[in-house]
């Protein structure tokens, strides 16, 4: 009994970690919609600003609701500390700006979110940070790309949108062999399905906008890792530069985390049913889902993940066929988000990855016939019926 009290499960942490009560004794976490906080004296104000006394100062960098979200997410990921940011992209930018400098080098997976590719390829080089993009699953390519200036290995696993799976333990060993950090975007799995820190990663990135919220309501991001990096390097950057999460959004994410484990179970169950069905369709050239035995990294995913996730991608013959399906679906929303309770269909080549060159999309395997599905919480039979009707007539 005491072991369960001292080491609560993920479901319990999702509901209870980071909670505190004010003098009003509220049951739901309080929402502190305030830009600043008052002090009891001039001396206390001076001590707070100097960092000599803990406590709230200004909501750009200290807010109780945001702190509750940070503490809960850190507990779920098994990290010492978390810093919440305004979006997933601001989390990536904040980390890079906080820990890297001109002359440093990053090796990143080619199979990351299209905007992340643009950040590493087009924005950061203007500040002297160079990046090399490699195939996610090719460990030799990662090794060959490392230089004496490499300070960070960055990846998403499963990847977006082809759901490739990286061997985190192997990449962690490679990064540490060369004195670099391994940073993992855990957006697709969340800590309900995968805990990269336990597999050797140094830092975890989240777009809270996706599965952590679970209903597509707010923008947010987070960085989770050791206090030595998060407190001493990332927090000073956030305090100064201000890519901060709003208290309201943090409160929404706190509510989302309470149902994260049960939602991810349903996402996984629905996604496997739909991926298995799509694999039997003659119109479909290929299905990308780690839960299928045909997936190249199926065994690896089964080993390092507690579930296979809610993202299914599949390839049709060309753009015309893909757009036909998009335009004939009824239960799938046409939008570029993912991780919602409502199922979503996206054509990556003209949306999320549309700003990349044709050569970059080809290297990533993002073809004109590729569709990405974010499988929601609807009835799986209804979603299958919707897909069947939309696929009708495609050669």
Foldseek 3Di string as FASTA:
>chain_A
DVCCVVQPDLLCLLQDWLADDDPVRDPAHDQDQDFADDDPDPVRLVCPVVVNDDDTGGQLQDDSLLQSLFRSQQSLLVFPTKAKFQALVVQVVLLCVQPDAAQAEEEEELQAFQVVCCCQPPPCVVRRYHYHYDHQADVVRVLVPDDLRYAEYEYEALGPPQRDGHQLLSVLVSQVVSNHAYEYADAQARSLWFRSVVSRHAKYKYFCCAQLLAANDHTMMMMGHYCVPCVPGSSVSSVPVRRHHRSVVSSSSSVSSSCRNVFFVLLQVLQVVQQVVLVPDPQWPDKRWLCDPPHPCVVVSVVRTNGGGNKMKTFGDALVLQVLLVVQFDQADDDDGARYLGKHKYQCCCPRNVVPDPVSCVVNVRGSRMMMMRDHNDDSVVRNVRSVVSNPPRD
